[in-house]
Protein backbone atom coordinates (compact mmCIF):
# COMPACT_ATOMS: atom_id res chain seq x y z
CA MET A 1 22.59 338.66 64.18
CA PRO A 2 22.14 341.29 66.80
CA LYS A 3 25.19 343.31 67.82
CA ILE A 4 26.89 341.76 70.98
CA GLN A 5 26.52 344.33 73.78
CA ALA A 6 29.04 342.56 76.15
CA ALA A 7 32.53 341.14 76.35
CA THR A 8 31.72 337.69 75.42
CA VAL A 9 29.00 335.94 73.65
CA ALA A 10 28.07 334.12 76.95
CA GLU A 11 27.85 337.48 78.88
CA HIS A 12 25.69 338.94 76.05
CA ARG A 13 23.26 335.95 76.22
CA SER A 14 23.18 336.26 79.97
CA LEU A 15 22.19 339.95 79.70
CA GLN A 16 19.53 339.35 77.15
CA ARG A 17 18.08 336.53 79.25
CA ARG A 18 17.95 338.84 82.21
CA ALA A 19 16.29 341.49 80.21
CA LEU A 20 13.65 339.04 79.10
CA LEU A 21 12.99 337.92 82.78
CA ASP A 22 12.79 341.52 83.86
CA ALA A 23 10.45 342.41 81.20
CA ALA A 24 8.24 339.49 82.03
CA ARG A 25 8.34 340.59 85.69
CA ASP A 26 7.21 344.07 84.77
CA ILE A 27 4.29 342.88 82.85
CA LEU A 28 3.13 340.47 85.54
CA ALA A 29 3.52 343.20 88.16
CA SER A 30 1.42 345.77 86.07
CA GLY A 31 -1.81 343.91 86.82
CA GLU A 32 -2.76 343.80 83.14
CA PRO A 33 -5.48 341.10 82.54
CA GLU A 34 -3.47 339.49 79.78
CA SER A 35 -0.68 337.25 80.80
CA PRO A 36 2.65 338.16 79.14
CA SER A 37 3.07 336.74 75.57
CA LEU A 38 6.47 336.19 74.20
CA SER A 39 5.97 338.97 71.73
CA ALA A 40 4.97 341.47 74.54
CA VAL A 41 7.85 340.36 76.45
CA ALA A 42 10.24 340.85 73.62
CA GLN A 43 8.85 344.27 72.74
CA ARG A 44 9.38 345.48 76.30
CA ALA A 45 12.88 344.01 76.47
CA GLY A 46 13.65 345.79 73.08
CA LEU A 47 14.31 342.41 71.20
CA ALA A 48 13.00 340.73 68.28
CA ARG A 49 10.21 338.22 69.10
CA SER A 50 12.16 335.44 67.16
CA SER A 51 15.11 335.99 69.44
CA VAL A 52 13.11 335.07 72.53
CA TYR A 53 13.02 331.48 71.37
CA GLN A 54 16.81 331.30 71.81
CA TYR A 55 16.10 331.48 75.44
CA PHE A 56 12.70 330.07 76.16
CA ARG A 57 10.84 327.40 74.17
CA SER A 58 7.41 328.63 75.14
CA ARG A 59 5.44 331.06 77.32
CA GLU A 60 5.17 328.32 79.87
CA ASP A 61 8.97 327.85 79.86
CA LEU A 62 9.36 331.70 80.46
CA LEU A 63 6.94 331.79 83.22
CA GLU A 64 8.65 328.91 84.98
CA ALA A 65 11.93 330.75 84.57
CA VAL A 66 10.50 333.69 86.19
CA ILE A 67 9.40 331.54 89.13
CA ALA A 68 12.78 329.93 89.40
CA ASP A 69 14.42 333.39 89.39
CA MET A 70 12.10 335.27 91.69
CA PHE A 71 11.67 332.92 94.73
CA PRO A 72 15.32 332.38 95.56
CA ARG A 73 15.76 336.15 95.36
CA TRP A 74 13.01 336.69 97.83
CA SER A 75 14.11 334.18 100.37
CA GLY A 76 17.75 335.31 99.93
CA PHE A 77 16.77 339.06 100.58
CA VAL A 78 14.87 337.93 103.78
CA ALA A 79 17.74 335.72 104.90
CA GLN A 80 20.35 338.42 104.37
CA ARG A 81 18.21 340.85 106.44
CA MET A 82 17.96 338.39 109.28
CA ASN A 83 21.56 337.45 109.19
CA SER A 84 22.52 341.16 109.70
CA ALA A 85 20.82 341.15 113.06
CA THR A 86 22.49 339.52 115.97
CA ALA A 87 19.75 339.12 118.65
CA ALA A 88 16.87 336.68 118.11
CA ALA A 89 14.35 339.45 118.63
CA GLU A 90 15.87 341.63 115.95
CA GLN A 91 15.88 338.68 113.57
CA VAL A 92 12.25 338.16 114.02
CA LEU A 93 11.47 341.79 113.31
CA ALA A 94 13.95 341.76 110.33
CA TYR A 95 11.97 338.89 108.93
CA ALA A 96 8.61 340.61 108.97
CA ASP A 97 10.06 344.07 107.81
CA ALA A 98 12.08 342.46 104.98
CA ASN A 99 8.88 340.61 103.63
CA LEU A 100 6.90 343.88 103.79
CA GLU A 101 9.78 345.87 102.16
CA LEU A 102 9.48 343.32 99.21
CA VAL A 103 5.79 343.79 98.94
CA ALA A 104 6.31 347.51 98.90
CA GLN A 105 8.94 347.04 96.13
CA GLY A 106 6.25 345.20 93.96
CA GLU A 107 7.47 341.67 94.35
CA HIS A 108 4.12 340.50 95.64
CA ALA A 109 2.48 342.00 92.75
CA VAL A 110 4.65 339.75 90.46
CA MET A 111 3.45 336.80 92.59
CA ARG A 112 -0.12 337.76 91.89
CA GLY A 113 0.64 338.06 88.22
CA LEU A 114 2.10 334.58 88.24
CA ALA A 115 -0.79 333.16 89.99
CA MET A 116 -3.04 334.30 87.25
CA ALA A 117 -0.61 333.43 84.27
CA ALA A 118 1.48 330.49 85.33
CA PRO A 119 0.60 326.86 85.31
CA GLY A 120 -1.09 326.07 88.69
CA ALA A 121 0.94 323.12 89.61
CA ALA A 122 4.34 324.87 88.96
CA LEU A 123 3.45 327.98 90.80
CA ALA A 124 1.70 326.01 93.79
CA GLU A 125 5.08 323.91 94.25
CA SER A 126 7.34 326.90 93.90
CA SER A 127 5.17 328.87 96.44
CA LYS A 128 5.21 325.94 98.89
CA VAL A 129 9.01 325.81 98.61
CA LEU A 130 9.27 329.65 98.98
CA HIS A 131 7.29 329.58 102.26
CA GLU A 132 9.13 326.57 103.61
CA GLN A 133 12.49 328.32 103.04
CA LEU A 134 11.09 331.35 104.71
CA ARG A 135 9.79 329.51 107.80
CA VAL A 136 13.06 327.82 108.59
CA PRO A 137 15.10 330.81 109.73
CA LEU A 138 12.11 332.38 111.41
CA VAL A 139 11.46 329.15 113.46
CA GLU A 140 15.08 328.85 114.13
CA ALA A 141 15.12 332.32 115.55
CA LEU A 142 12.08 331.78 117.71
CA THR A 143 13.57 328.55 118.91
CA ARG A 144 16.79 330.06 119.95
CA SER A 145 14.89 332.65 121.94
CA GLY A 146 13.21 330.05 123.91
CA ALA A 147 9.79 330.78 122.49
CA THR A 148 6.91 328.49 123.37
CA GLN A 149 5.57 326.49 120.29
CA PRO A 150 7.95 328.16 117.69
CA GLN A 151 6.29 326.58 114.83
CA HIS A 152 2.78 327.91 115.68
CA MET A 153 4.26 331.34 116.51
CA ALA A 154 5.96 331.41 113.14
CA GLU A 155 2.45 330.78 111.53
CA LEU A 156 0.93 333.70 113.39
CA ILE A 157 3.85 336.00 112.47
CA GLN A 158 3.39 335.09 108.97
CA ALA A 159 -0.40 335.73 109.20
CA VAL A 160 0.55 339.33 110.54
CA VAL A 161 2.91 339.64 107.64
CA ARG A 162 0.31 338.61 105.10
CA ALA A 163 -2.22 341.15 106.62
CA GLY A 164 0.42 343.97 106.39
CA SER A 165 1.04 342.91 102.81
CA GLN A 166 -2.58 343.24 101.96
CA MET A 167 -2.71 346.76 103.67
CA ILE A 168 0.23 348.05 101.47
CA GLU A 169 -1.37 346.65 98.27
CA ASN A 170 -4.50 348.34 99.27
CA GLY A 171 -2.76 351.70 99.34
CA VAL A 172 -1.64 352.15 103.03
CA PRO A 173 1.70 353.72 103.13
CA SER A 174 4.41 350.90 103.52
CA ASP A 175 6.32 352.84 106.25
CA ASP A 176 3.10 353.06 108.40
CA VAL A 177 2.30 349.45 107.92
CA ARG A 178 5.89 348.44 108.78
CA ASP A 179 5.76 350.46 111.87
CA LEU A 180 2.31 348.99 112.91
CA VAL A 181 3.80 345.36 112.38
CA LYS A 182 6.74 346.29 114.59
CA GLN A 183 4.41 347.85 117.30
CA MET A 184 2.41 344.69 117.22
CA LEU A 185 5.53 342.15 117.40
CA GLU A 186 7.61 344.01 119.92
CA PRO A 187 5.29 343.46 122.99
CA TYR A 188 5.43 339.71 122.39
CA LEU A 189 9.08 339.73 121.86
CA ARG A 190 9.64 341.68 125.10
CA ALA A 191 7.30 339.44 127.01
CA SER A 192 9.15 336.44 125.77
CA GLY A 193 12.41 337.82 127.28
CA MET A 194 14.24 337.77 123.98
CA PRO A 195 17.75 339.35 124.35
CA ARG A 196 16.97 342.66 122.65
CA PHE A 197 14.34 343.33 125.26
CA GLU A 198 15.86 342.02 128.50
CA LYS A 199 15.78 344.42 131.29
């Protein structure tokens, strides 16, 4: 039995499970053509392959766990950044910037890896849930601001974020992209009379 590296067995198991999830994320983000096998994940986490089965029944079980772990973290990060802003205009900008920051950190690369490796139905459903979760606070901020057709405007803002994400992944410096997106959105926010830009 491996030496326990935590105060309790439960904490030890939690740490090892976290190490396996992080190892799988690293492999998915690397862009390697082969999807992460349990043995590759175990090796990267510094564990025996047999110990992986204490946490995940199969490769599919592991990938589903990565999905379940990743998407709430993404939406939580965006929500936290939006909640730290007070005016509706700042919340809209925070939404766009937080998503682009996550892309720059490599989170979107993990998503791409999952798209190649994870079961299609599981990823599609989780991706749908993520985008719905992300849209809710954005639409709410746009609605509070008095924006016309906030649902459609949210779709356009998400399209801008997707384009910015692609630029970052194509090698354009993330700071430049984040600044360009801000330059694109601020005139709309100013024209809409959102609190931050009232004269």
